[in-house]
Structures are given as C-alpha cells and as structure tokens.
C-alpha cells in the first residue's frame, strides 16, 4: 500500500469505527502513543468504538504525507460534529476541527506503531471547555 493510500485507509477506518479493517491494517503487536499514553490493540479498539460515536459526520483531509524507510508521517485535519462523551463536555451538535500529525511505523505493509499529536486543547475549547490552573 502506498503511503497516501495508507493515510486514506486509516482515516476511513477511524471514521467508520471499523475494527475488522483495523485488524487488517495493523500488526498483532500494534502499539500507539498519544496524549493519553501508550496502548495496545485492545486499547485502540476501545477508542475506535468510541470515536465515531462522539464525533460524527467526519470529513478528514490529508494535507501532507511524507515517507522514508519504515515511517510514514501524515499531517491532517478532521472536521466533524460533536455528539458527546469527550471530557464530560455537553453535546450541542457543535462543529469542530481537529488537526494533527500521525507518525506510522510499518512492518511490511502493516502498521506496527503510531505516534499521534493533535490539537486536543483547541478541540476542547471549541466545545466550550476551559483550562483552569490548579492553585
């Protein structure tokens, strides 16, 4: 699979919450790293069931795909509608825009590991969340 095709397949999988496609795209020992820490296949599958219900009508856009060796780096934007379940923020059908970068490490034609950075703080602010400093 070419790097751009991988990026499109990944976002299609996330948009649909497609666990079967996830199994086909990743290695058995898949790991992901992100703002919530590190997780394995089971943890990611839990997220995959949650994500498309919390953020519906997803319209992903891939802006850059850079490949070298066993790595593919993708810069993206996902526009969606918030339906609830994120940081206890109430849903009001808000439209949100998430931007981020994912680094994929491949083993053959499968994803073995990802590193994910996104604008989670901005997404929370778009939904009415506020940052409070602890005293």
Protein backbone atom coordinates (compact mmCIF):
# COMPACT_ATOMS: atom_id res chain seq x y z
CA UNK A 1 0.00 0.00 0.00
CA UNK A 2 1.38 3.40 -0.95
CA UNK A 3 1.79 6.00 1.85
CA UNK A 4 -1.15 8.15 0.69
CA UNK A 5 -3.37 5.08 0.44
CA UNK A 6 -2.38 4.10 3.98
CA UNK A 7 -3.40 7.54 5.27
CA UNK A 8 -6.76 7.38 3.49
CA UNK A 9 -7.40 3.82 4.75
CA UNK A 10 -6.53 4.85 8.32
CA UNK A 11 -8.95 7.77 8.34
CA UNK A 12 -11.69 5.71 6.68
CA UNK A 13 -11.21 3.09 9.41
CA UNK A 14 -11.41 5.69 12.17
CA UNK A 15 -14.44 7.40 10.65
CA UNK A 16 -16.33 4.09 10.46
CA UNK A 17 -15.01 2.55 13.68
CA UNK A 18 -14.12 -0.45 11.52
CA UNK A 19 -12.43 -2.98 13.80
CA UNK A 20 -12.09 -5.55 11.01
CA UNK A 21 -10.18 -3.06 8.88
CA UNK A 22 -8.08 -2.12 11.92
CA UNK A 23 -7.09 -5.78 12.31
CA UNK A 24 -6.12 -5.89 8.63
CA UNK A 25 -4.07 -2.69 8.74
CA UNK A 26 -2.07 -3.41 11.89
CA UNK A 27 0.34 -6.00 13.26
CA UNK A 28 -0.63 -8.30 16.13
CA UNK A 29 1.68 -6.40 18.48
CA UNK A 30 0.49 -2.92 17.40
CA UNK A 31 1.20 -0.06 19.82
CA UNK A 32 0.02 3.55 19.79
CA UNK A 33 1.39 6.56 21.61
CA UNK A 34 -0.60 9.72 22.16
CA UNK A 35 -1.76 12.32 24.65
CA UNK A 36 -3.35 9.60 26.82
CA UNK A 37 -0.19 7.50 26.97
CA UNK A 38 0.70 4.24 25.27
CA UNK A 39 -1.72 1.46 24.43
CA UNK A 40 -2.07 -1.81 22.58
CA UNK A 41 -4.54 -3.25 20.05
CA UNK A 42 -7.27 -3.74 22.64
CA UNK A 43 -6.98 -0.20 23.98
CA UNK A 44 -7.04 1.24 20.47
CA UNK A 45 -10.07 -0.91 19.58
CA UNK A 46 -11.89 0.60 22.58
CA UNK A 47 -11.06 4.08 21.28
CA UNK A 48 -12.13 3.05 17.78
CA UNK A 49 -15.59 2.09 19.07
CA UNK A 50 -15.93 5.40 20.94
CA UNK A 51 -14.51 7.93 18.47
CA UNK A 52 -17.07 7.81 15.60
CA UNK A 53 -19.96 8.00 18.08
CA UNK A 54 -18.53 11.06 19.85
CA UNK A 55 -17.51 12.81 16.62
CA UNK A 56 -19.86 12.10 13.74
CA UNK A 57 -20.06 13.30 10.15
CA UNK A 58 -16.27 13.17 9.94
CA UNK A 59 -14.64 14.79 6.94
CA UNK A 60 -10.92 14.07 7.07
CA UNK A 61 -8.42 15.85 4.90
CA UNK A 62 -4.85 14.72 4.42
CA UNK A 63 -2.53 17.69 3.85
CA UNK A 64 0.93 16.13 3.80
CA UNK A 65 2.24 12.58 3.53
CA UNK A 66 5.98 12.10 3.98
CA UNK A 67 7.52 8.64 3.74
CA UNK A 68 11.01 7.36 4.42
CA UNK A 69 12.26 3.94 5.42
CA UNK A 70 9.67 2.28 7.64
CA UNK A 71 7.94 5.58 8.59
CA UNK A 72 5.03 7.50 7.14
CA UNK A 73 4.16 10.92 8.55
CA UNK A 74 0.71 12.41 7.92
CA UNK A 75 -0.48 15.95 8.68
CA UNK A 76 -4.27 16.08 8.69
CA UNK A 77 -7.47 17.88 9.59
CA UNK A 78 -10.77 16.25 10.56
CA UNK A 79 -13.95 18.29 10.64
CA UNK A 80 -16.83 16.66 12.48
CA UNK A 81 -19.92 17.15 14.63
CA UNK A 82 -19.66 16.58 18.37
CA UNK A 83 -22.26 14.22 19.90
CA UNK A 84 -20.94 13.88 23.45
CA UNK A 85 -18.60 11.78 25.52
CA UNK A 86 -15.44 13.89 25.39
CA UNK A 87 -14.15 15.26 28.72
CA UNK A 88 -17.73 15.41 30.03
CA UNK A 89 -18.41 18.37 27.73
CA UNK A 90 -22.11 18.62 26.84
CA UNK A 91 -23.06 17.99 23.23
CA UNK A 92 -24.86 20.72 21.33
CA UNK A 93 -24.13 19.48 17.81
CA UNK A 94 -21.05 21.69 17.65
CA UNK A 95 -18.88 21.54 14.56
CA UNK A 96 -15.24 21.02 15.45
CA UNK A 97 -11.95 20.95 13.64
CA UNK A 98 -9.16 18.66 14.80
CA UNK A 99 -5.69 18.99 13.36
CA UNK A 100 -2.72 16.79 13.99
CA UNK A 101 0.19 14.69 12.90
CA UNK A 102 0.46 10.90 12.98
CA UNK A 103 3.71 9.03 12.54
CA UNK A 104 3.23 5.43 11.40
CA UNK A 105 5.94 2.78 11.78
CA UNK A 106 5.44 -0.03 9.31
CA UNK A 107 6.41 -3.67 9.36
CA UNK A 108 5.97 -4.79 5.79
CA UNK A 109 2.63 -3.41 4.65
CA UNK A 110 1.11 -3.20 8.15
CA UNK A 111 1.17 -0.52 10.84
CA UNK A 112 3.17 -1.68 13.86
CA UNK A 113 3.18 1.55 15.83
CA UNK A 114 1.82 5.09 15.75
CA UNK A 115 2.67 8.36 17.44
CA UNK A 116 -0.19 10.83 17.50
CA UNK A 117 -0.20 14.55 18.28
CA UNK A 118 -3.34 16.66 17.89
CA UNK A 119 -4.88 19.94 18.96
CA UNK A 120 -6.90 18.37 21.79
CA UNK A 121 -6.87 21.60 23.81
CA UNK A 122 -8.32 23.55 20.88
CA UNK A 123 -10.96 20.88 20.31
CA UNK A 124 -11.98 21.13 23.98
CA UNK A 125 -12.13 24.92 23.69
CA UNK A 126 -14.28 24.66 20.53
CA UNK A 127 -16.70 22.60 22.65
CA UNK A 128 -16.83 25.18 25.43
CA UNK A 129 -14.17 23.68 27.71
CA UNK A 130 -11.94 25.98 29.70
CA UNK A 131 -8.45 25.47 31.06
CA UNK A 132 -8.16 26.10 34.79
CA UNK A 133 -4.84 26.28 36.54
CA UNK A 134 -4.68 24.48 39.87
CA UNK A 135 -3.53 26.57 42.80
